[in-house]
Amino acid sequence: MNGVVADYAVGGAMALVFWSEPVPTFDLGVFVLLAFDWALRTGYREQAEHIIIAVHNKLVEEAVASAAELDFEGQPVRVIRPEYLIAL
């Protein structure tokens, strides 16, 4: 699956844990930018700039591109910055 994921960043409530006081959450929001040619080759339907299995826009692309690389138990994790979490 080399080349499928163009970029990613953790978002949503889990991302807030990195920037503020910990809060209980059971979900993990991950914004994943996929290579569109992969979607076409594998038969996923497109609608405007979206692949139906994943929806994103220019703000999401900017949020992922500028994500901070933080540490989670010794593992580097890309996390969407607080100003983008508010906007998204």
PDB file of N, CA and C in Angstrom:
ATOM      1  N   MET A   1       0.829  -1.181   0.000  1.00  0.00           N
ATOM      2  CA  MET A   1       0.000   0.000   0.000  1.00  0.00           C
ATOM      3  C   MET A   1       0.875   1.248   0.000  1.00  0.00           C
ATOM      4  N   ASN A   2       2.029   1.129  -0.520  1.00  0.00           N
ATOM      5  CA  ASN A   2       2.960   2.249  -0.569  1.00  0.00           C
ATOM      6  C   ASN A   2       2.385   3.386  -1.396  1.00  0.00           C
ATOM      7  N   GLY A   3       2.421   4.606  -0.862  1.00  0.00           N
ATOM      8  CA  GLY A   3       1.931   5.758  -1.588  1.00  0.00           C
ATOM      9  C   GLY A   3       0.452   6.031  -1.437  1.00  0.00           C
ATOM     10  N   VAL A   4      -0.262   5.267  -0.632  1.00  0.00           N
ATOM     11  CA  VAL A   4      -1.698   5.472  -0.460  1.00  0.00           C
ATOM     12  C   VAL A   4      -1.962   6.684   0.431  1.00  0.00           C
ATOM     13  N   VAL A   5      -1.283   6.760   1.556  1.00  0.00           N
ATOM     14  CA  VAL A   5      -1.465   7.865   2.493  1.00  0.00           C
ATOM     15  C   VAL A   5      -0.460   8.959   2.159  1.00  0.00           C
ATOM     16  N   ALA A   6      -0.972  10.123   1.763  1.00  0.00           N
ATOM     17  CA  ALA A   6      -0.097  11.243   1.440  1.00  0.00           C
ATOM     18  C   ALA A   6       0.369  11.954   2.710  1.00  0.00           C
ATOM     19  N   ASP A   7      -0.508  12.059   3.714  1.00  0.00           N
ATOM     20  CA  ASP A   7      -0.173  12.717   4.973  1.00  0.00           C
ATOM     21  C   ASP A   7      -1.267  12.394   5.979  1.00  0.00           C
ATOM     22  N   TYR A   8      -1.009  12.619   7.272  1.00  0.00           N
ATOM     23  CA  TYR A   8      -2.016  12.368   8.296  1.00  0.00           C
ATOM     24  C   TYR A   8      -1.738  13.256   9.504  1.00  0.00           C
ATOM     25  N   ALA A   9      -2.754  13.406  10.360  1.00  0.00           N
ATOM     26  CA  ALA A   9      -2.588  14.056  11.652  1.00  0.00           C
ATOM     27  C   ALA A   9      -3.752  13.644  12.544  1.00  0.00           C
ATOM     28  N   VAL A  10      -3.491  13.522  13.842  1.00  0.00           N
ATOM     29  CA  VAL A  10      -4.530  13.220  14.821  1.00  0.00           C
ATOM     30  C   VAL A  10      -5.348  14.483  15.041  1.00  0.00           C
ATOM     31  N   GLY A  11      -6.665  14.357  15.088  1.00  0.00           N
ATOM     32  CA  GLY A  11      -7.553  15.489  15.308  1.00  0.00           C
ATOM     33  C   GLY A  11      -8.581  15.167  16.373  1.00  0.00           C
ATOM     34  N   GLY A  12      -9.567  16.016  16.509  1.00  0.00           N
ATOM     35  CA  GLY A  12     -10.667  15.791  17.437  1.00  0.00           C
ATOM     36  C   GLY A  12     -10.257  15.850  18.897  1.00  0.00           C
ATOM     37  N   ALA A  13     -11.032  15.179  19.732  1.00  0.00           N
ATOM     38  CA  ALA A  13     -10.823  15.223  21.177  1.00  0.00           C
ATOM     39  C   ALA A  13      -9.458  14.680  21.589  1.00  0.00           C
ATOM     40  N   MET A  14      -8.971  13.660  20.895  1.00  0.00           N
ATOM     41  CA  MET A  14      -7.664  13.102  21.248  1.00  0.00           C
ATOM     42  C   MET A  14      -6.557  14.117  21.010  1.00  0.00           C
ATOM     43  N   ALA A  15      -6.666  14.928  19.958  1.00  0.00           N
ATOM     44  CA  ALA A  15      -5.665  15.963  19.708  1.00  0.00           C
ATOM     45  C   ALA A  15      -5.678  17.006  20.818  1.00  0.00           C
ATOM     46  N   LEU A  16      -6.857  17.311  21.343  1.00  0.00           N
ATOM     47  CA  LEU A  16      -6.946  18.286  22.436  1.00  0.00           C
ATOM     48  C   LEU A  16      -6.182  17.827  23.670  1.00  0.00           C
ATOM     49  N   VAL A  17      -6.085  16.521  23.872  1.00  0.00           N
ATOM     50  CA  VAL A  17      -5.344  15.981  25.018  1.00  0.00           C
ATOM     51  C   VAL A  17      -3.881  16.431  24.973  1.00  0.00           C
ATOM     52  N   PHE A  18      -3.329  16.575  23.779  1.00  0.00           N
ATOM     53  CA  PHE A  18      -1.944  17.018  23.647  1.00  0.00           C
ATOM     54  C   PHE A  18      -1.775  18.497  23.984  1.00  0.00           C
ATOM     55  N   TRP A  19      -2.832  19.281  23.818  1.00  0.00           N
ATOM     56  CA  TRP A  19      -2.735  20.737  23.965  1.00  0.00           C
ATOM     57  C   TRP A  19      -3.361  21.280  25.247  1.00  0.00           C
ATOM     58  N   SER A  20      -4.124  20.481  25.971  1.00  0.00           N
ATOM     59  CA  SER A  20      -4.818  20.976  27.160  1.00  0.00           C
ATOM     60  C   SER A  20      -4.851  19.889  28.224  1.00  0.00           C
ATOM     61  N   GLU A  21      -5.695  20.099  29.206  1.00  0.00           N
ATOM     62  CA  GLU A  21      -5.852  19.096  30.256  1.00  0.00           C
ATOM     63  C   GLU A  21      -6.463  17.823  29.663  1.00  0.00           C
ATOM     64  N   PRO A  22      -5.991  16.668  30.106  1.00  0.00           N
ATOM     65  CA  PRO A  22      -6.565  15.410  29.607  1.00  0.00           C
ATOM     66  C   PRO A  22      -8.067  15.319  29.890  1.00  0.00           C
ATOM     67  N   VAL A  23      -8.793  14.799  28.931  1.00  0.00           N
ATOM     68  CA  VAL A  23     -10.228  14.571  29.072  1.00  0.00           C
ATOM     69  C   VAL A  23     -10.523  13.144  28.639  1.00  0.00           C
ATOM     70  N   PRO A  24     -11.527  12.535  29.253  1.00  0.00           N
ATOM     71  CA  PRO A  24     -11.856  11.167  28.828  1.00  0.00           C
ATOM     72  C   PRO A  24     -12.442  11.166  27.413  1.00  0.00           C
ATOM     73  N   THR A  25     -11.921  10.305  26.585  1.00  0.00           N
ATOM     74  CA  THR A  25     -12.452  10.139  25.235  1.00  0.00           C
ATOM     75  C   THR A  25     -12.199   8.703  24.789  1.00  0.00           C
ATOM     76  N   PHE A  26     -13.101   8.191  23.996  1.00  0.00           N
ATOM     77  CA  PHE A  26     -12.969   6.816  23.526  1.00  0.00           C
ATOM     78  C   PHE A  26     -12.769   6.730  22.028  1.00  0.00           C
ATOM     79  N   ASP A  27     -12.677   7.891  21.374  1.00  0.00           N
ATOM     80  CA  ASP A  27     -12.497   7.858  19.928  1.00  0.00           C
ATOM     81  C   ASP A  27     -11.167   8.494  19.548  1.00  0.00           C
ATOM     82  N   LEU A  28     -10.719   8.158  18.379  1.00  0.00           N
ATOM     83  CA  LEU A  28      -9.484   8.715  17.847  1.00  0.00           C
ATOM     84  C   LEU A  28      -9.801   9.248  16.452  1.00  0.00           C
ATOM     85  N   GLY A  29      -9.770  10.575  16.310  1.00  0.00           N
ATOM     86  CA  GLY A  29     -10.001  11.185  15.012  1.00  0.00           C
ATOM     87  C   GLY A  29      -8.679  11.323  14.281  1.00  0.00           C
ATOM     88  N   VAL A  30      -8.572  10.714  13.128  1.00  0.00           N
ATOM     89  CA  VAL A  30      -7.358  10.810  12.327  1.00  0.00           C
ATOM     90  C   VAL A  30      -7.749  11.364  10.962  1.00  0.00           C
ATOM     91  N   PHE A  31      -7.147  12.485  10.605  1.00  0.00           N
ATOM     92  CA  PHE A  31      -7.360  13.087   9.298  1.00  0.00           C
ATOM     93  C   PHE A  31      -6.296  12.506   8.370  1.00  0.00           C
ATOM     94  N   VAL A  32      -6.735  11.811   7.337  1.00  0.00           N
ATOM     95  CA  VAL A  32      -5.819  11.149   6.412  1.00  0.00           C
ATOM     96  C   VAL A  32      -6.043  11.706   5.015  1.00  0.00           C
ATOM     97  N   LEU A  33      -4.965  12.177   4.407  1.00  0.00           N
ATOM     98  CA  LEU A  33      -5.046  12.636   3.024  1.00  0.00           C
ATOM     99  C   LEU A  33      -4.554  11.506   2.131  1.00  0.00           C
ATOM    100  N   LEU A  34      -5.432  11.031   1.270  1.00  0.00           N
ATOM    101  CA  LEU A  34      -5.109   9.920   0.383  1.00  0.00           C
ATOM    102  C   LEU A  34      -4.704  10.433  -0.990  1.00  0.00           C
ATOM    103  N   ALA A  35      -3.883   9.678  -1.655  1.00  0.00           N
ATOM    104  CA  ALA A  35      -3.542   9.982  -3.043  1.00  0.00           C
ATOM    105  C   ALA A  35      -4.762   9.651  -3.901  1.00  0.00           C
ATOM    106  N   PHE A  36      -5.303  10.645  -4.624  1.00  0.00           N
ATOM    107  CA  PHE A  36      -6.539  10.432  -5.377  1.00  0.00           C
ATOM    108  C   PHE A  36      -6.393   9.377  -6.455  1.00  0.00           C
ATOM    109  N   ASP A  37      -5.220   9.233  -7.058  1.00  0.00           N
ATOM    110  CA  ASP A  37      -5.069   8.217  -8.092  1.00  0.00           C
ATOM    111  C   ASP A  37      -5.263   6.824  -7.511  1.00  0.00           C
ATOM    112  N   TRP A  38      -4.902   6.629  -6.253  1.00  0.00           N
ATOM    113  CA  TRP A  38      -5.145   5.339  -5.599  1.00  0.00           C
ATOM    114  C   TRP A  38      -6.643   5.070  -5.533  1.00  0.00           C
ATOM    115  N   ALA A  39      -7.409   6.063  -5.153  1.00  0.00           N
ATOM    116  CA  ALA A  39      -8.859   5.893  -5.034  1.00  0.00           C
ATOM    117  C   ALA A  39      -9.470   5.521  -6.382  1.00  0.00           C
ATOM    118  N   LEU A  40      -9.054   6.192  -7.423  1.00  0.00           N
ATOM    119  CA  LEU A  40      -9.579   5.884  -8.751  1.00  0.00           C
ATOM    120  C   LEU A  40      -9.224   4.469  -9.181  1.00  0.00           C
ATOM    121  N   ARG A  41      -7.982   4.075  -8.916  1.00  0.00           N
ATOM    122  CA  ARG A  41      -7.541   2.730  -9.304  1.00  0.00           C
ATOM    123  C   ARG A  41      -8.291   1.646  -8.555  1.00  0.00           C
ATOM    124  N   THR A  42      -8.704   1.936  -7.324  1.00  0.00           N
ATOM    125  CA  THR A  42      -9.365   0.918  -6.507  1.00  0.00           C
ATOM    126  C   THR A  42     -10.882   1.012  -6.534  1.00  0.00           C
ATOM    127  N   GLY A  43     -11.431   1.954  -7.322  1.00  0.00           N
ATOM    128  CA  GLY A  43     -12.867   2.001  -7.534  1.00  0.00           C
ATOM    129  C   GLY A  43     -13.670   2.818  -6.541  1.00  0.00           C
ATOM    130  N   TYR A  44     -13.033   3.616  -5.690  1.00  0.00           N
ATOM    131  CA  TYR A  44     -13.798   4.456  -4.773  1.00  0.00           C
ATOM    132  C   TYR A  44     -14.391   5.630  -5.538  1.00  0.00           C
ATOM    133  N   ARG A  45     -15.621   5.970  -5.218  1.00  0.00           N
ATOM    134  CA  ARG A  45     -16.340   7.042  -5.891  1.00  0.00           C
ATOM    135  C   ARG A  45     -15.864   8.399  -5.398  1.00  0.00           C
ATOM    136  N   GLU A  46     -15.704   9.346  -6.323  1.00  0.00           N
ATOM    137  CA  GLU A  46     -15.315  10.714  -5.993  1.00  0.00           C
ATOM    138  C   GLU A  46     -16.508  11.634  -6.111  1.00  0.00           C
ATOM    139  N   GLN A  47     -16.510  12.678  -5.295  1.00  0.00           N
ATOM    140  CA  GLN A  47     -17.514  13.732  -5.394  1.00  0.00           C
ATOM    141  C   GLN A  47     -16.787  15.047  -5.127  1.00  0.00           C
ATOM    142  N   ALA A  48     -16.612  15.847  -6.170  1.00  0.00           N
ATOM    143  CA  ALA A  48     -15.797  17.075  -6.102  1.00  0.00           C
ATOM    144  C   ALA A  48     -14.403  16.697  -5.627  1.00  0.00           C
ATOM    145  N   GLU A  49     -13.924  17.300  -4.543  1.00  0.00           N
ATOM    146  CA  GLU A  49     -12.589  16.977  -4.040  1.00  0.00           C
ATOM    147  C   GLU A  49     -12.601  15.832  -3.036  1.00  0.00           C
ATOM    148  N   HIS A  50     -13.718  15.142  -2.900  1.00  0.00           N
ATOM    149  CA  HIS A  50     -13.853  14.108  -1.884  1.00  0.00           C
ATOM    150  C   HIS A  50     -13.847  12.701  -2.461  1.00  0.00           C
ATOM    151  N   ILE A  51     -13.284  11.808  -1.702  1.00  0.00           N
ATOM    152  CA  ILE A  51     -13.479  10.375  -1.904  1.00  0.00           C
ATOM    153  C   ILE A  51     -14.520  10.011  -0.870  1.00  0.00           C
ATOM    154  N   ILE A  52     -15.515   9.292  -1.240  1.00  0.00           N
ATOM    155  CA  ILE A  52     -16.645   9.077  -0.353  1.00  0.00           C
ATOM    156  C   ILE A  52     -16.248   8.425   0.977  1.00  0.00           C
ATOM    157  N   ILE A  53     -15.178   7.656   1.007  1.00  0.00           N
ATOM    158  CA  ILE A  53     -14.742   7.069   2.270  1.00  0.00           C
ATOM    159  C   ILE A  53     -14.068   8.086   3.182  1.00  0.00           C
ATOM    160  N   ALA A  54     -13.743   9.267   2.656  1.00  0.00           N
ATOM    161  CA  ALA A  54     -13.085  10.297   3.457  1.00  0.00           C
ATOM    162  C   ALA A  54     -13.408  11.666   2.878  1.00  0.00           C
ATOM    163  N   VAL A  55     -13.759  12.608   3.724  1.00  0.00           N
ATOM    164  CA  VAL A  55     -14.110  13.945   3.271  1.00  0.00           C
ATOM    165  C   VAL A  55     -13.100  14.929   3.836  1.00  0.00           C
ATOM    166  N   HIS A  56     -12.560  15.800   2.963  1.00  0.00           N
ATOM    167  CA  HIS A  56     -11.674  16.851   3.447  1.00  0.00           C
ATOM    168  C   HIS A  56     -11.757  18.070   2.544  1.00  0.00           C
ATOM    169  N   ASN A  57     -11.205  19.166   3.009  1.00  0.00           N
ATOM    170  CA  ASN A  57     -11.207  20.412   2.245  1.00  0.00           C
ATOM    171  C   ASN A  57      -9.853  21.090   2.420  1.00  0.00           C
ATOM    172  N   LYS A  58      -9.709  22.305   1.913  1.00  0.00           N
ATOM    173  CA  LYS A  58      -8.424  23.016   1.987  1.00  0.00           C
ATOM    174  C   LYS A  58      -7.995  23.266   3.424  1.00  0.00           C
ATOM    175  N   LEU A  59      -8.951  23.544   4.320  1.00  0.00           N
ATOM    176  CA  LEU A  59      -8.602  23.764   5.722  1.00  0.00           C
ATOM    177  C   LEU A  59      -8.024  22.498   6.340  1.00  0.00           C
ATOM    178  N   VAL A  60      -8.611  21.344   6.029  1.00  0.00           N
ATOM    179  CA  VAL A  60      -8.080  20.074   6.527  1.00  0.00           C
ATOM    180  C   VAL A  60      -6.687  19.838   5.967  1.00  0.00           C
ATOM    181  N   GLU A  61      -6.494  20.113   4.672  1.00  0.00           N
ATOM    182  CA  GLU A  61      -5.172  19.931   4.068  1.00  0.00           C
ATOM    183  C   GLU A  61      -4.135  20.803   4.768  1.00  0.00           C
ATOM    184  N   GLU A  62      -4.498  22.056   5.055  1.00  0.00           N
ATOM    185  CA  GLU A  62      -3.582  22.968   5.745  1.00  0.00           C
ATOM    186  C   GLU A  62      -3.326  22.501   7.181  1.00  0.00           C
ATOM    187  N   ALA A  63      -4.369  22.028   7.854  1.00  0.00           N
ATOM    188  CA  ALA A  63      -4.232  21.549   9.229  1.00  0.00           C
ATOM    189  C   ALA A  63      -3.296  20.344   9.300  1.00  0.00           C
ATOM    190  N   VAL A  64      -3.436  19.426   8.369  1.00  0.00           N
ATOM    191  CA  VAL A  64      -2.575  18.245   8.337  1.00  0.00           C
ATOM    192  C   VAL A  64      -1.144  18.630   7.977  1.00  0.00           C
ATOM    193  N   ALA A  65      -1.001  19.502   6.995  1.00  0.00           N
ATOM    194  CA  ALA A  65       0.338  19.908   6.555  1.00  0.00           C
ATOM    195  C   ALA A  65       1.116  20.620   7.659  1.00  0.00           C
ATOM    196  N   SER A  66       0.422  21.356   8.514  1.00  0.00           N
ATOM    197  CA  SER A  66       1.108  22.107   9.572  1.00  0.00           C
ATOM    198  C   SER A  66       1.019  21.432  10.936  1.00  0.00           C
ATOM    199  N   ALA A  67       0.632  20.164  10.964  1.00  0.00           N
ATOM    200  CA  ALA A  67       0.509  19.439  12.232  1.00  0.00           C
ATOM    201  C   ALA A  67       1.846  19.393  12.967  1.00  0.00           C
ATOM    202  N   ALA A  68       1.760  19.396  14.286  1.00  0.00           N
ATOM    203  CA  ALA A  68       2.961  19.308  15.123  1.00  0.00           C
ATOM    204  C   ALA A  68       3.327  17.842  15.312  1.00  0.00           C
ATOM    205  N   GLU A  69       4.618  17.556  15.318  1.00  0.00           N
ATOM    206  CA  GLU A  69       5.060  16.198  15.629  1.00  0.00           C
ATOM    207  C   GLU A  69       5.359  16.159  17.123  1.00  0.00           C
ATOM    208  N   LEU A  70       4.533  15.422  17.854  1.00  0.00           N
ATOM    209  CA  LEU A  70       4.642  15.328  19.304  1.00  0.00           C
ATOM    210  C   LEU A  70       4.978  13.904  19.701  1.00  0.00           C
ATOM    211  N   ASP A  71       5.274  13.711  20.965  1.00  0.00           N
ATOM    212  CA  ASP A  71       5.650  12.401  21.480  1.00  0.00           C
ATOM    213  C   ASP A  71       4.479  11.775  22.233  1.00  0.00           C
ATOM    214  N   PHE A  72       4.175  10.529  21.934  1.00  0.00           N
ATOM    215  CA  PHE A  72       3.190   9.767  22.685  1.00  0.00           C
ATOM    216  C   PHE A  72       3.836   8.460  23.104  1.00  0.00           C
ATOM    217  N   GLU A  73       4.235   8.396  24.363  1.00  0.00           N
ATOM    218  CA  GLU A  73       4.874   7.199  24.926  1.00  0.00           C
ATOM    219  C   GLU A  73       6.043   6.727  24.065  1.00  0.00           C
ATOM    220  N   GLY A  74       6.882   7.687  23.644  1.00  0.00           N
ATOM    221  CA  GLY A  74       8.079   7.357  22.883  1.00  0.00           C
ATOM    222  C   GLY A  74       7.887   7.252  21.380  1.00  0.00           C
ATOM    223  N   GLN A  75       6.655   7.437  20.904  1.00  0.00           N
ATOM    224  CA  GLN A  75       6.373   7.348  19.471  1.00  0.00           C
ATOM    225  C   GLN A  75       6.031   8.732  18.938  1.00  0.00           C
ATOM    226  N   PRO A  76       6.623   9.139  17.825  1.00  0.00           N
ATOM    227  CA  PRO A  76       6.243  10.419  17.238  1.00  0.00           C
ATOM    228  C   PRO A  76       4.840  10.335  16.628  1.00  0.00           C
ATOM    229  N   VAL A  77       4.028  11.343  16.919  1.00  0.00           N
ATOM    230  CA  VAL A  77       2.651  11.392  16.430  1.00  0.00           C
ATOM    231  C   VAL A  77       2.390  12.787  15.873  1.00  0.00           C
ATOM    232  N   ARG A  78       1.830  12.861  14.673  1.00  0.00           N
ATOM    233  CA  ARG A  78       1.467  14.155  14.088  1.00  0.00           C
ATOM    234  C   ARG A  78       0.092  14.545  14.621  1.00  0.00           C
ATOM    235  N   VAL A  79       0.006  15.751  15.223  1.00  0.00           N
ATOM    236  CA  VAL A  79      -1.218  16.192  15.883  1.00  0.00           C
ATOM    237  C   VAL A  79      -1.630  17.559  15.326  1.00  0.00           C
ATOM    238  N   ILE A  80      -2.895  17.685  14.957  1.00  0.00           N
ATOM    239  CA  ILE A  80      -3.423  18.956  14.464  1.00  0.00           C
ATOM    240  C   ILE A  80      -3.320  20.003  15.568  1.00  0.00           C
ATOM    241  N   ARG A  81      -2.861  21.194  15.194  1.00  0.00           N
ATOM    242  CA  ARG A  81      -2.649  22.284  16.152  1.00  0.00           C
ATOM    243  C   ARG A  81      -3.999  22.844  16.637  1.00  0.00           C
ATOM    244  N   PRO A  82      -4.018  23.418  17.870  1.00  0.00           N
ATOM    245  CA  PRO A  82      -5.268  23.880  18.482  1.00  0.00           C
ATOM    246  C   PRO A  82      -6.069  24.860  17.620  1.00  0.00           C
ATOM    247  N   GLU A  83      -5.402  25.796  16.954  1.00  0.00           N
ATOM    248  CA  GLU A  83      -6.146  26.777  16.157  1.00  0.00           C
ATOM    249  C   GLU A  83      -6.931  26.108  15.020  1.00  0.00           C
ATOM    250  N   TYR A  84      -6.403  25.012  14.492  1.00  0.00           N
ATOM    251  CA  TYR A  84      -7.128  24.275  13.444  1.00  0.00           C
ATOM    252  C   TYR A  84      -8.228  23.422  14.057  1.00  0.00           C
ATOM    253  N   LEU A  85      -8.008  22.879  15.244  1.00  0.00           N
ATOM    254  CA  LEU A  85      -9.062  22.106  15.912  1.00  0.00           C
ATOM    255  C   LEU A  85     -10.285  22.972  16.138  1.00  0.00           C
ATOM    256  N   ILE A  86     -10.065  24.219  16.523  1.00  0.00           N
ATOM    257  CA  ILE A  86     -11.183  25.142  16.747  1.00  0.00           C
ATOM    258  C   ILE A  86     -11.904  25.413  15.428  1.00  0.00           C
ATOM    259  N   ALA A  87     -11.138  25.668  14.366  1.00  0.00           N
ATOM    260  CA  ALA A  87     -11.741  25.981  13.069  1.00  0.00           C
ATOM    261  C   ALA A  87     -12.461  24.791  12.451  1.00  0.00           C
ATOM    262  N   LEU A  88     -11.933  23.603  12.675  1.00  0.00           N
ATOM    263  CA  LEU A  88     -12.552  22.413  12.084  1.00  0.00           C
ATOM    264  C   LEU A  88     -13.783  21.990  12.857  1.00  0.00           C
TER     265      LEU A  88
END
